[in-house]
Amino acid sequence: MRKMLFAGMLSLLVLLMAMPFAAAETQKATGTANGFGGELTVEVTVDGKQIVSVEVLENKETPGVADPAISNLPGEIIAAQSVAVDVKSGCTLASNAVLEATKAALLSLGFTEEEITSRWRPRPPLRRRS
């Protein structure tokens, strides 16, 4: 009887210890915002609380003019893990549309305003003493 109780408690302990390491759920959501030419739609993929993909699905922006925002901002959002990135010069409205659509998608996935808009800053390297 004691061995069964001990084995059951040990199994429960192992299960509880493994829970934080369980695979995070991958989720996708779309967000829409108005740019210069009309609606712009993005699809955002997250794994737990990490942004893994931002893709502009549809846009009515001027070809060539909005390209820096549409092609560069998704990568910058992923790198920063935030929409607190700089807009692209010459295509401010398209940049704001990408950022606002991404923000809308993230909010629909349960992110908080603070999580979405805070800037990620790498820690400075440690200084070695001589």
Protein backbone atom coordinates (compact mmCIF):
# COMPACT_ATOMS: atom_id res chain seq x y z
CA MET A 1 0.00 0.00 0.00
CA ARG A 2 2.78 2.41 0.89
CA LYS A 3 4.65 1.61 -2.32
CA MET A 4 1.55 2.40 -4.40
CA LEU A 5 1.01 5.67 -2.57
CA PHE A 6 4.68 6.60 -2.96
CA ALA A 7 4.62 5.71 -6.69
CA GLY A 8 1.46 7.77 -7.20
CA MET A 9 2.91 10.79 -5.42
CA LEU A 10 6.17 10.46 -7.33
CA SER A 11 4.27 10.31 -10.65
CA LEU A 12 2.27 13.40 -9.70
CA LEU A 13 5.46 15.25 -8.75
CA VAL A 14 7.11 14.39 -12.08
CA LEU A 15 3.99 15.51 -13.95
CA LEU A 16 3.85 18.83 -12.10
CA MET A 17 7.53 19.48 -12.73
CA ALA A 18 7.15 18.84 -16.46
CA MET A 19 4.18 21.18 -16.93
CA PRO A 20 6.18 24.41 -17.35
CA PHE A 21 8.18 22.75 -20.11
CA ALA A 22 5.14 21.64 -22.09
CA ALA A 23 5.04 22.88 -25.66
CA ALA A 24 3.37 26.25 -26.04
CA GLU A 25 0.36 26.42 -28.29
CA THR A 26 0.85 28.01 -31.70
CA GLN A 27 -1.96 30.41 -32.55
CA LYS A 28 -2.77 32.63 -35.53
CA ALA A 29 -4.91 35.73 -35.81
CA THR A 30 -5.56 38.43 -38.37
CA GLY A 31 -5.81 42.14 -37.82
CA THR A 32 -6.94 44.95 -40.08
CA ALA A 33 -6.17 48.67 -40.14
CA ASN A 34 -6.56 51.54 -42.60
CA GLY A 35 -3.54 52.69 -44.56
CA PHE A 36 -3.21 55.37 -47.23
CA GLY A 37 -4.88 53.28 -49.95
CA GLY A 38 -7.43 51.44 -47.83
CA GLU A 39 -7.54 48.40 -45.59
CA LEU A 40 -4.39 46.44 -44.83
CA THR A 41 -4.63 42.94 -43.30
CA VAL A 42 -1.88 41.04 -41.49
CA GLU A 43 -1.70 37.52 -40.11
CA VAL A 44 0.26 37.07 -36.90
CA THR A 45 1.49 33.72 -35.59
CA VAL A 46 2.54 33.34 -31.97
CA ASP A 47 4.00 30.45 -30.03
CA GLY A 48 2.99 31.01 -26.42
CA LYS A 49 3.87 34.67 -25.88
CA GLN A 50 6.50 34.84 -28.63
CA ILE A 51 5.73 36.46 -31.98
CA VAL A 52 7.06 34.08 -34.63
CA SER A 53 5.52 35.43 -37.83
CA VAL A 54 3.91 38.61 -39.16
CA GLU A 55 2.70 38.50 -42.75
CA VAL A 56 0.88 41.19 -44.73
CA LEU A 57 -1.93 39.31 -46.48
CA GLU A 58 -3.76 42.11 -48.30
CA ASN A 59 -3.09 45.76 -48.93
CA LYS A 60 -4.20 48.51 -51.27
CA GLU A 61 -1.13 50.65 -50.79
CA THR A 62 0.76 52.31 -53.62
CA PRO A 63 3.25 49.80 -55.06
CA GLY A 64 6.82 50.93 -54.55
CA VAL A 65 5.94 53.62 -52.04
CA ALA A 66 4.69 51.32 -49.26
CA ASP A 67 7.19 48.54 -49.96
CA PRO A 68 9.60 49.48 -47.12
CA ALA A 69 6.79 49.22 -44.56
CA ILE A 70 5.28 46.02 -45.96
CA SER A 71 8.56 44.18 -46.42
CA ASN A 72 10.64 45.45 -43.46
CA LEU A 73 8.29 46.08 -40.55
CA PRO A 74 7.19 42.46 -40.02
CA GLY A 75 10.80 41.39 -39.41
CA GLU A 76 11.39 44.34 -37.09
CA ILE A 77 8.25 43.49 -35.10
CA ILE A 78 9.45 39.90 -34.69
CA ALA A 79 12.95 41.02 -33.67
CA ALA A 80 11.57 43.51 -31.12
CA GLN A 81 8.72 41.21 -30.00
CA SER A 82 6.71 44.42 -29.99
CA VAL A 83 4.96 46.93 -32.24
CA ALA A 84 7.09 49.67 -30.67
CA VAL A 85 9.29 50.01 -33.75
CA ASP A 86 10.00 53.04 -35.92
CA VAL A 87 7.80 53.76 -38.92
CA LYS A 88 9.40 53.90 -42.35
CA SER A 89 10.10 57.29 -43.89
CA GLY A 90 7.99 58.07 -46.93
CA CYS A 91 5.28 55.56 -46.06
CA THR A 92 4.14 56.63 -42.62
CA LEU A 93 0.47 55.73 -43.14
CA ALA A 94 1.30 52.27 -44.48
CA SER A 95 3.73 51.77 -41.58
CA ASN A 96 1.09 52.77 -39.05
CA ALA A 97 -1.40 50.41 -40.73
CA VAL A 98 1.00 47.46 -40.43
CA LEU A 99 1.65 48.28 -36.77
CA GLU A 100 -2.02 48.83 -35.90
CA ALA A 101 -3.18 45.68 -37.71
CA THR A 102 -0.49 43.67 -35.92
CA LYS A 103 -1.53 45.20 -32.61
CA ALA A 104 -5.18 44.30 -33.26
CA ALA A 105 -4.24 40.69 -34.04
CA LEU A 106 -2.10 40.41 -30.90
CA LEU A 107 -4.83 41.88 -28.71
CA SER A 108 -7.29 39.31 -30.09
CA LEU A 109 -4.83 36.58 -29.05
CA GLY A 110 -4.87 37.77 -25.44
CA PHE A 111 -1.74 39.92 -25.33
CA THR A 112 -1.92 42.99 -23.11
CA GLU A 113 -1.32 46.53 -24.29
CA GLU A 114 1.87 46.64 -22.23
CA GLU A 115 3.22 43.42 -23.75
CA ILE A 116 2.56 44.70 -27.26
CA THR A 117 3.99 48.18 -26.92
CA SER A 118 7.00 47.70 -24.66
CA ARG A 119 10.36 47.74 -26.36
CA TRP A 120 12.63 44.75 -25.94
CA ARG A 121 16.10 45.84 -25.02
CA PRO A 122 18.99 43.42 -24.95
CA ARG A 123 20.93 43.34 -21.74
CA PRO A 124 24.32 45.04 -21.94
CA PRO A 125 27.27 42.66 -21.93
CA LEU A 126 28.85 41.94 -18.59
CA ARG A 127 32.11 43.72 -17.96
CA ARG A 128 34.97 41.52 -16.99
CA ARG A 129 37.25 42.64 -14.26
CA SER A 130 40.92 42.58 -15.10
